[in-house]
């Protein structure tokens, strides 16, 4: 025991013990990591037979899934929505009534134009009777033929006023029919942008009231492909996509 202590003290005084301990630790660590590396070698590498096959290039992009045919239903006249006959996800048929606008203002305009038209028609009848009477007087020599020119002018003006009043009246009657909004196609309501009591203004542009999808079984993806990849896209290529509603399901197109 005394010999071992003397040897330990000698090594400690000679500064040999610490390097020996470090050397032992390094040798033990290297052996451990080499053994672990050999144990995990089969997990880090996989082998396979060399074979020939196609090289597949995939292009990824984000987009929106929309129906192929979507019709925006608007209005050509302004007014307040008084009746609503359909809602989201409701199937509709062509010419089916979707909503009605308040026709009170247009009906008032029609009444005013009808009164104006009756006045112009009375003026035209008066001009016609005056021309007929003056034609007889000219034949009898009571007035000069030049007097008929003024009568002809008055009759032409009266006829023009009647035609103008009639066109304005027809326009307002057409606008009255536009207060009833009908579906242009068979389809499904996918968006409704108005409610009862809401006022729509068609003064500068046609407001969109509904969006109708013709067929929800025919869908398309609206997306943008990067310029570097668009040259590789060809018609007829297979497409695989997912949607947020079904994240674990793949769809093919």
C-alpha atoms as a PDB file:
ATOM      1  CA  UNK A   1       0.000   0.000   0.000  1.00  0.00           C
ATOM      2  CA  UNK A   2       2.869   2.297   0.846  1.00  0.00           C
ATOM      3  CA  UNK A   3       4.424   1.461  -2.521  1.00  0.00           C
ATOM      4  CA  UNK A   4       1.279   2.466  -4.369  1.00  0.00           C
ATOM      5  CA  UNK A   5       1.093   5.738  -2.454  1.00  0.00           C
ATOM      6  CA  UNK A   6       4.727   6.492  -3.243  1.00  0.00           C
ATOM      7  CA  UNK A   7       4.111   5.754  -6.952  1.00  0.00           C
ATOM      8  CA  UNK A   8       0.979   8.006  -6.963  1.00  0.00           C
ATOM      9  CA  UNK A   9       2.848  10.838  -5.282  1.00  0.00           C
ATOM     10  CA  UNK A  10       5.727  10.423  -7.718  1.00  0.00           C
ATOM     11  CA  UNK A  11       3.439  10.606 -10.743  1.00  0.00           C
ATOM     12  CA  UNK A  12       1.614  13.603  -9.281  1.00  0.00           C
ATOM     13  CA  UNK A  13       4.919  15.413  -8.626  1.00  0.00           C
ATOM     14  CA  UNK A  14       6.133  14.560 -12.100  1.00  0.00           C
ATOM     15  CA  UNK A  15       2.881  15.973 -13.596  1.00  0.00           C
ATOM     16  CA  UNK A  16       2.194  12.728 -15.448  1.00  0.00           C
ATOM     17  CA  UNK A  17      -1.030  11.637 -13.772  1.00  0.00           C
ATOM     18  CA  UNK A  18      -3.350  14.317 -15.254  1.00  0.00           C
ATOM     19  CA  UNK A  19      -2.267  13.697 -18.863  1.00  0.00           C
ATOM     20  CA  UNK A  20      -2.711   9.978 -18.363  1.00  0.00           C
ATOM     21  CA  UNK A  21      -6.249  10.513 -17.065  1.00  0.00           C
ATOM     22  CA  UNK A  22      -7.127  12.781 -20.023  1.00  0.00           C
ATOM     23  CA  UNK A  23      -5.660  10.255 -22.422  1.00  0.00           C
ATOM     24  CA  UNK A  24      -7.755   7.508 -20.891  1.00  0.00           C
ATOM     25  CA  UNK A  25     -10.905   9.619 -21.144  1.00  0.00           C
ATOM     26  CA  UNK A  26     -10.222  10.410 -24.823  1.00  0.00           C
ATOM     27  CA  UNK A  27      -9.572   6.743 -25.644  1.00  0.00           C
ATOM     28  CA  UNK A  28     -12.742   5.661 -23.844  1.00  0.00           C
ATOM     29  CA  UNK A  29     -14.865   8.359 -25.605  1.00  0.00           C
ATOM     30  CA  UNK A  30     -13.509   7.472 -29.034  1.00  0.00           C
ATOM     31  CA  UNK A  31     -14.257   3.810 -28.461  1.00  0.00           C
ATOM     32  CA  UNK A  32     -17.794   4.654 -27.317  1.00  0.00           C
ATOM     33  CA  UNK A  33     -18.620   6.839 -30.308  1.00  0.00           C
ATOM     34  CA  UNK A  34     -17.084   4.355 -32.743  1.00  0.00           C
ATOM     35  CA  UNK A  35     -19.211   1.595 -31.288  1.00  0.00           C
ATOM     36  CA  UNK A  36     -22.348   3.769 -31.468  1.00  0.00           C
ATOM     37  CA  UNK A  37     -21.569   4.769 -35.057  1.00  0.00           C
ATOM     38  CA  UNK A  38     -21.248   1.146 -36.105  1.00  0.00           C
ATOM     39  CA  UNK A  39     -24.501   0.311 -34.316  1.00  0.00           C
ATOM     40  CA  UNK A  40     -26.440   3.080 -36.117  1.00  0.00           C
ATOM     41  CA  UNK A  41     -24.784   2.540 -39.477  1.00  0.00           C
ATOM     42  CA  UNK A  42     -27.686   0.440 -40.714  1.00  0.00           C
ATOM     43  CA  UNK A  43     -30.146   3.163 -39.701  1.00  0.00           C
ATOM     44  CA  UNK A  44     -28.247   6.011 -41.385  1.00  0.00           C
ATOM     45  CA  UNK A  45     -27.891   4.353 -44.745  1.00  0.00           C
ATOM     46  CA  UNK A  46     -30.369   2.575 -46.982  1.00  0.00           C
ATOM     47  CA  UNK A  47     -29.398   0.537 -49.971  1.00  0.00           C
ATOM     48  CA  UNK A  48     -31.451  -0.075 -53.096  1.00  0.00           C
ATOM     49  CA  UNK A  49     -30.992  -1.654 -56.477  1.00  0.00           C
ATOM     50  CA  UNK A  50     -30.163   0.702 -59.317  1.00  0.00           C
ATOM     51  CA  UNK A  51     -33.052   0.813 -61.778  1.00  0.00           C
ATOM     52  CA  UNK A  52     -34.389   2.930 -64.665  1.00  0.00           C
ATOM     53  CA  UNK A  53     -37.550   5.017 -64.241  1.00  0.00           C
ATOM     54  CA  UNK A  54     -39.188   8.351 -64.994  1.00  0.00           C
ATOM     55  CA  UNK A  55     -38.008  11.541 -63.330  1.00  0.00           C
ATOM     56  CA  UNK A  56     -41.059  13.338 -61.914  1.00  0.00           C
ATOM     57  CA  UNK A  57     -41.045  17.110 -61.532  1.00  0.00           C
ATOM     58  CA  UNK A  58     -43.742  18.643 -59.364  1.00  0.00           C
ATOM     59  CA  UNK A  59     -44.901  22.261 -59.404  1.00  0.00           C
ATOM     60  CA  UNK A  60     -46.575  23.630 -56.292  1.00  0.00           C
ATOM     61  CA  UNK A  61     -48.914  26.627 -56.229  1.00  0.00           C
ATOM     62  CA  UNK A  62     -51.720  28.079 -54.117  1.00  0.00           C
ATOM     63  CA  UNK A  63     -55.069  29.009 -55.604  1.00  0.00           C
ATOM     64  CA  UNK A  64     -58.817  29.192 -55.191  1.00  0.00           C
ATOM     65  CA  UNK A  65     -61.310  26.483 -56.127  1.00  0.00           C
ATOM     66  CA  UNK A  66     -64.209  28.017 -58.073  1.00  0.00           C
ATOM     67  CA  UNK A  67     -67.046  26.803 -60.296  1.00  0.00           C
ATOM     68  CA  UNK A  68     -66.286  26.815 -64.008  1.00  0.00           C
ATOM     69  CA  UNK A  69     -69.363  28.935 -64.807  1.00  0.00           C
ATOM     70  CA  UNK A  70     -70.393  31.728 -62.420  1.00  0.00           C
ATOM     71  CA  UNK A  71     -73.002  34.332 -63.372  1.00  0.00           C
ATOM     72  CA  UNK A  72     -73.164  37.674 -61.547  1.00  0.00           C
ATOM     73  CA  UNK A  73     -76.774  38.820 -61.256  1.00  0.00           C
ATOM     74  CA  UNK A  74     -77.163  42.591 -61.026  1.00  0.00           C
ATOM     75  CA  UNK A  75     -79.777  45.265 -61.510  1.00  0.00           C
ATOM     76  CA  UNK A  76     -80.194  48.003 -64.104  1.00  0.00           C
ATOM     77  CA  UNK A  77     -82.378  50.199 -61.871  1.00  0.00           C
ATOM     78  CA  UNK A  78     -81.960  51.623 -58.404  1.00  0.00           C
ATOM     79  CA  UNK A  79     -84.287  50.919 -55.530  1.00  0.00           C
ATOM     80  CA  UNK A  80     -84.840  49.391 -52.119  1.00  0.00           C
ATOM     81  CA  UNK A  81     -85.104  45.626 -51.700  1.00  0.00           C
ATOM     82  CA  UNK A  82     -88.632  44.846 -50.487  1.00  0.00           C
ATOM     83  CA  UNK A  83     -88.862  41.093 -51.106  1.00  0.00           C
ATOM     84  CA  UNK A  84     -86.225  38.362 -51.103  1.00  0.00           C
ATOM     85  CA  UNK A  85     -87.072  34.900 -52.408  1.00  0.00           C
ATOM     86  CA  UNK A  86     -83.802  32.946 -52.132  1.00  0.00           C
ATOM     87  CA  UNK A  87     -80.681  32.596 -50.013  1.00  0.00           C
ATOM     88  CA  UNK A  88     -77.231  31.010 -49.897  1.00  0.00           C
ATOM     89  CA  UNK A  89     -76.838  27.475 -51.324  1.00  0.00           C
ATOM     90  CA  UNK A  90     -80.386  27.461 -52.711  1.00  0.00           C
ATOM     91  CA  UNK A  91     -80.984  25.874 -56.141  1.00  0.00           C
ATOM     92  CA  UNK A  92     -82.761  28.142 -58.613  1.00  0.00           C
ATOM     93  CA  UNK A  93     -84.293  27.732 -62.061  1.00  0.00           C
ATOM     94  CA  UNK A  94     -83.979  29.998 -65.065  1.00  0.00           C
ATOM     95  CA  UNK A  95     -86.454  32.921 -64.939  1.00  0.00           C
ATOM     96  CA  UNK A  96     -87.190  32.269 -61.258  1.00  0.00           C
ATOM     97  CA  UNK A  97     -87.796  35.448 -59.221  1.00  0.00           C
ATOM     98  CA  UNK A  98     -84.901  36.172 -56.853  1.00  0.00           C
ATOM     99  CA  UNK A  99     -85.945  39.514 -55.351  1.00  0.00           C
ATOM    100  CA  UNK A 100     -88.114  42.589 -55.917  1.00  0.00           C
ATOM    101  CA  UNK A 101     -87.176  46.252 -55.686  1.00  0.00           C
ATOM    102  CA  UNK A 102     -89.577  48.974 -54.543  1.00  0.00           C
ATOM    103  CA  UNK A 103     -91.376  50.124 -57.761  1.00  0.00           C
ATOM    104  CA  UNK A 104     -93.123  53.189 -56.248  1.00  0.00           C
ATOM    105  CA  UNK A 105     -90.817  55.801 -57.793  1.00  0.00           C
ATOM    106  CA  UNK A 106     -90.912  54.219 -61.246  1.00  0.00           C
ATOM    107  CA  UNK A 107     -94.712  53.920 -61.125  1.00  0.00           C
ATOM    108  CA  UNK A 108     -94.922  57.631 -60.279  1.00  0.00           C
ATOM    109  CA  UNK A 109     -92.735  58.427 -63.285  1.00  0.00           C
ATOM    110  CA  UNK A 110     -94.962  56.275 -65.487  1.00  0.00           C
ATOM    111  CA  UNK A 111     -98.081  58.147 -64.321  1.00  0.00           C
ATOM    112  CA  UNK A 112     -96.372  61.467 -65.051  1.00  0.00           C
ATOM    113  CA  UNK A 113     -95.264  60.337 -68.519  1.00  0.00           C
ATOM    114  CA  UNK A 114     -98.736  58.991 -69.338  1.00  0.00           C
ATOM    115  CA  UNK A 115    -100.215  62.404 -68.494  1.00  0.00           C
ATOM    116  CA  UNK A 116     -97.590  64.139 -70.648  1.00  0.00           C
ATOM    117  CA  UNK A 117     -98.324  61.756 -73.493  1.00  0.00           C
ATOM    118  CA  UNK A 118    -102.054  62.470 -73.346  1.00  0.00           C
ATOM    119  CA  UNK A 119    -101.255  66.192 -73.532  1.00  0.00           C
ATOM    120  CA  UNK A 120     -99.020  65.789 -76.586  1.00  0.00           C
ATOM    121  CA  UNK A 121    -101.623  63.575 -78.280  1.00  0.00           C
ATOM    122  CA  UNK A 122    -104.245  66.302 -77.730  1.00  0.00           C
ATOM    123  CA  UNK A 123    -101.866  68.851 -79.238  1.00  0.00           C
ATOM    124  CA  UNK A 124    -101.330  66.591 -82.229  1.00  0.00           C
ATOM    125  CA  UNK A 125    -105.068  66.106 -82.768  1.00  0.00           C
ATOM    126  CA  UNK A 126    -105.556  69.872 -82.622  1.00  0.00           C
ATOM    127  CA  UNK A 127    -102.798  70.367 -85.209  1.00  0.00           C
ATOM    128  CA  UNK A 128    -104.363  67.746 -87.472  1.00  0.00           C
ATOM    129  CA  UNK A 129    -107.833  69.325 -87.297  1.00  0.00           C
ATOM    130  CA  UNK A 130    -106.384  72.795 -87.877  1.00  0.00           C
ATOM    131  CA  UNK A 131    -104.497  71.584 -90.927  1.00  0.00           C
ATOM    132  CA  UNK A 132    -107.607  69.892 -92.306  1.00  0.00           C
ATOM    133  CA  UNK A 133    -109.751  72.999 -91.756  1.00  0.00           C
ATOM    134  CA  UNK A 134    -107.171  75.331 -93.304  1.00  0.00           C
ATOM    135  CA  UNK A 135    -106.769  73.003 -96.288  1.00  0.00           C
ATOM    136  CA  UNK A 136    -110.511  73.412 -97.011  1.00  0.00           C
ATOM    137  CA  UNK A 137    -110.249  77.164 -96.573  1.00  0.00           C
ATOM    138  CA  UNK A 138    -107.346  77.347 -99.021  1.00  0.00           C
ATOM    139  CA  UNK A 139    -109.380  75.363-101.548  1.00  0.00           C
ATOM    140  CA  UNK A 140    -112.188  77.921-101.200  1.00  0.00           C
ATOM    141  CA  UNK A 141    -109.744  80.831-101.454  1.00  0.00           C
ATOM    142  CA  UNK A 142    -110.352  82.266 -98.002  1.00  0.00           C
ATOM    143  CA  UNK A 143    -106.667  81.960 -96.903  1.00  0.00           C
ATOM    144  CA  UNK A 144    -103.400  81.766 -98.774  1.00  0.00           C
ATOM    145  CA  UNK A 145    -101.519  78.489 -99.303  1.00  0.00           C
ATOM    146  CA  UNK A 146     -98.588  79.836 -97.280  1.00  0.00           C
ATOM    147  CA  UNK A 147    -100.680  79.553 -94.138  1.00  0.00           C
ATOM    148  CA  UNK A 148    -100.577  75.777 -94.439  1.00  0.00           C
ATOM    149  CA  UNK A 149     -96.811  75.740 -93.947  1.00  0.00           C
ATOM    150  CA  UNK A 150     -97.136  76.859 -90.337  1.00  0.00           C
ATOM    151  CA  UNK A 151     -99.872  74.253 -89.770  1.00  0.00           C
ATOM    152  CA  UNK A 152     -97.653  71.488 -91.202  1.00  0.00           C
ATOM    153  CA  UNK A 153     -94.794  72.567 -88.947  1.00  0.00           C
ATOM    154  CA  UNK A 154     -97.020  72.514 -85.875  1.00  0.00           C
ATOM    155  CA  UNK A 155     -98.270  69.039 -86.805  1.00  0.00           C
ATOM    156  CA  UNK A 156     -94.723  67.708 -87.271  1.00  0.00           C
ATOM    157  CA  UNK A 157     -93.666  69.125 -83.891  1.00  0.00           C
ATOM    158  CA  UNK A 158     -96.713  67.563 -82.228  1.00  0.00           C
ATOM    159  CA  UNK A 159     -95.960  64.158 -83.785  1.00  0.00           C
ATOM    160  CA  UNK A 160     -92.343  64.362 -82.612  1.00  0.00           C
ATOM    161  CA  UNK A 161     -93.480  65.205 -79.086  1.00  0.00           C
ATOM    162  CA  UNK A 162     -95.849  62.228 -79.081  1.00  0.00           C
ATOM    163  CA  UNK A 163     -93.071  59.901 -80.270  1.00  0.00           C
ATOM    164  CA  UNK A 164     -90.709  61.230 -77.591  1.00  0.00           C
ATOM    165  CA  UNK A 165     -93.304  60.831 -74.837  1.00  0.00           C
ATOM    166  CA  UNK A 166     -94.059  57.294 -76.020  1.00  0.00           C
ATOM    167  CA  UNK A 167     -90.367  56.305 -75.971  1.00  0.00           C
ATOM    168  CA  UNK A 168     -89.933  57.716 -72.446  1.00  0.00           C
ATOM    169  CA  UNK A 169     -93.041  55.860 -71.314  1.00  0.00           C
ATOM    170  CA  UNK A 170     -91.792  52.593 -72.837  1.00  0.00           C
ATOM    171  CA  UNK A 171     -88.446  53.067 -71.120  1.00  0.00           C
ATOM    172  CA  UNK A 172     -90.036  53.519 -67.711  1.00  0.00           C
ATOM    173  CA  UNK A 173     -92.270  50.489 -68.236  1.00  0.00           C
ATOM    174  CA  UNK A 174     -89.154  48.487 -69.070  1.00  0.00           C
ATOM    175  CA  UNK A 175     -87.486  49.810 -65.902  1.00  0.00           C
ATOM    176  CA  UNK A 176     -90.568  48.711 -63.976  1.00  0.00           C
ATOM    177  CA  UNK A 177     -90.050  45.158 -65.223  1.00  0.00           C
ATOM    178  CA  UNK A 178     -86.404  45.392 -64.103  1.00  0.00           C
ATOM    179  CA  UNK A 179     -87.511  45.855 -60.489  1.00  0.00           C
ATOM    180  CA  UNK A 180     -88.229  42.117 -60.481  1.00  0.00           C
ATOM    181  CA  UNK A 181     -84.859  40.333 -60.566  1.00  0.00           C
ATOM    182  CA  UNK A 182     -84.953  36.872 -62.127  1.00  0.00           C
ATOM    183  CA  UNK A 183     -82.373  34.124 -62.424  1.00  0.00           C
ATOM    184  CA  UNK A 184     -80.797  33.958 -65.896  1.00  0.00           C
ATOM    185  CA  UNK A 185     -79.755  30.282 -65.578  1.00  0.00           C
ATOM    186  CA  UNK A 186     -80.364  27.075 -63.663  1.00  0.00           C
ATOM    187  CA  UNK A 187     -77.863  26.847 -60.814  1.00  0.00           C
ATOM    188  CA  UNK A 188     -77.082  27.315 -57.136  1.00  0.00           C
ATOM    189  CA  UNK A 189     -76.763  30.566 -55.203  1.00  0.00           C
ATOM    190  CA  UNK A 190     -73.164  30.721 -53.946  1.00  0.00           C
ATOM    191  CA  UNK A 191     -73.197  34.356 -52.803  1.00  0.00           C
ATOM    192  CA  UNK A 192     -75.842  36.908 -51.795  1.00  0.00           C
ATOM    193  CA  UNK A 193     -74.694  40.479 -51.333  1.00  0.00           C
ATOM    194  CA  UNK A 194     -77.947  42.220 -50.297  1.00  0.00           C
ATOM    195  CA  UNK A 195     -80.643  42.062 -47.595  1.00  0.00           C
ATOM    196  CA  UNK A 196     -84.223  43.246 -47.291  1.00  0.00           C
ATOM    197  CA  UNK A 197     -84.337  47.010 -46.771  1.00  0.00           C
ATOM    198  CA  UNK A 198     -80.994  47.625 -48.431  1.00  0.00           C
ATOM    199  CA  UNK A 199     -80.878  50.241 -51.194  1.00  0.00           C
ATOM    200  CA  UNK A 200     -79.003  49.414 -54.389  1.00  0.00           C
ATOM    201  CA  UNK A 201     -77.804  52.189 -56.695  1.00  0.00           C
ATOM    202  CA  UNK A 202     -77.282  51.523 -60.392  1.00  0.00           C
ATOM    203  CA  UNK A 203     -76.383  55.074 -61.391  1.00  0.00           C
ATOM    204  CA  UNK A 204     -72.730  54.539 -62.384  1.00  0.00           C
ATOM    205  CA  UNK A 205     -72.270  50.751 -62.465  1.00  0.00           C
ATOM    206  CA  UNK A 206     -74.341  47.595 -62.189  1.00  0.00           C
ATOM    207  CA  UNK A 207     -74.223  46.332 -58.589  1.00  0.00           C
ATOM    208  CA  UNK A 208     -73.898  42.585 -58.071  1.00  0.00           C
ATOM    209  CA  UNK A 209     -76.793  41.113 -56.079  1.00  0.00           C
ATOM    210  CA  UNK A 210     -76.201  37.361 -56.440  1.00  0.00           C
ATOM    211  CA  UNK A 211     -73.585  34.965 -57.748  1.00  0.00           C
ATOM    212  CA  UNK A 212     -75.005  31.814 -59.304  1.00  0.00           C
ATOM    213  CA  UNK A 213     -72.900  28.754 -60.084  1.00  0.00           C
ATOM    214  CA  UNK A 214     -74.188  26.766 -63.011  1.00  0.00           C
ATOM    215  CA  UNK A 215     -72.787  23.399 -61.879  1.00  0.00           C
ATOM    216  CA  UNK A 216     -70.795  22.679 -58.700  1.00  0.00           C
ATOM    217  CA  UNK A 217     -69.626  19.355 -60.128  1.00  0.00           C
ATOM    218  CA  UNK A 218     -67.538  21.211 -62.730  1.00  0.00           C
ATOM    219  CA  UNK A 219     -64.889  23.117 -60.766  1.00  0.00           C
ATOM    220  CA  UNK A 220     -61.634  24.829 -61.661  1.00  0.00           C
ATOM    221  CA  UNK A 221     -58.609  26.124 -59.740  1.00  0.00           C
ATOM    222  CA  UNK A 222     -57.678  29.752 -60.279  1.00  0.00           C
ATOM    223  CA  UNK A 223     -53.986  30.053 -59.461  1.00  0.00           C
ATOM    224  CA  UNK A 224     -50.751  31.696 -60.543  1.00  0.00           C
ATOM    225  CA  UNK A 225     -47.720  29.626 -61.558  1.00  0.00           C
ATOM    226  CA  UNK A 226     -44.216  31.017 -61.133  1.00  0.00           C
ATOM    227  CA  UNK A 227     -42.538  32.204 -64.325  1.00  0.00           C
ATOM    228  CA  UNK A 228     -39.713  29.711 -63.866  1.00  0.00           C
ATOM    229  CA  UNK A 229     -42.195  26.806 -63.795  1.00  0.00           C
ATOM    230  CA  UNK A 230     -44.895  27.876 -66.239  1.00  0.00           C
ATOM    231  CA  UNK A 231     -42.896  26.629 -69.226  1.00  0.00           C
ATOM    232  CA  UNK A 232     -43.148  23.082 -67.877  1.00  0.00           C
ATOM    233  CA  UNK A 233     -46.943  23.145 -67.619  1.00  0.00           C
ATOM    234  CA  UNK A 234     -48.722  21.402 -70.494  1.00  0.00           C
ATOM    235  CA  UNK A 235     -52.390  20.782 -71.181  1.00  0.00           C
ATOM    236  CA  UNK A 236     -53.591  17.400 -69.961  1.00  0.00           C
ATOM    237  CA  UNK A 237     -51.136  17.037 -67.073  1.00  0.00           C
ATOM    238  CA  UNK A 238     -52.390  15.403 -63.880  1.00  0.00           C
ATOM    239  CA  UNK A 239     -53.143  17.686 -60.935  1.00  0.00           C
ATOM    240  CA  UNK A 240     -53.315  16.764 -57.275  1.00  0.00           C
ATOM    241  CA  UNK A 241     -54.676  19.286 -54.798  1.00  0.00           C
ATOM    242  CA  UNK A 242     -56.048  19.632 -51.293  1.00  0.00           C
ATOM    243  CA  UNK A 243     -58.597  22.006 -49.764  1.00  0.00           C
ATOM    244  CA  UNK A 244     -58.807  23.472 -46.265  1.00  0.00           C
ATOM    245  CA  UNK A 245     -62.119  21.740 -45.580  1.00  0.00           C
ATOM    246  CA  UNK A 246     -60.537  18.282 -46.096  1.00  0.00           C
ATOM    247  CA  UNK A 247     -56.814  18.642 -45.291  1.00  0.00           C
ATOM    248  CA  UNK A 248     -56.218  14.864 -45.121  1.00  0.00           C
ATOM    249  CA  UNK A 249     -57.834  14.096 -48.475  1.00  0.00           C
ATOM    250  CA  UNK A 250     -56.174  14.409 -51.894  1.00  0.00           C
ATOM    251  CA  UNK A 251     -58.196  15.313 -54.980  1.00  0.00           C
ATOM    252  CA  UNK A 252     -57.146  14.609 -58.533  1.00  0.00           C
ATOM    253  CA  UNK A 253     -57.890  16.585 -61.670  1.00  0.00           C
END
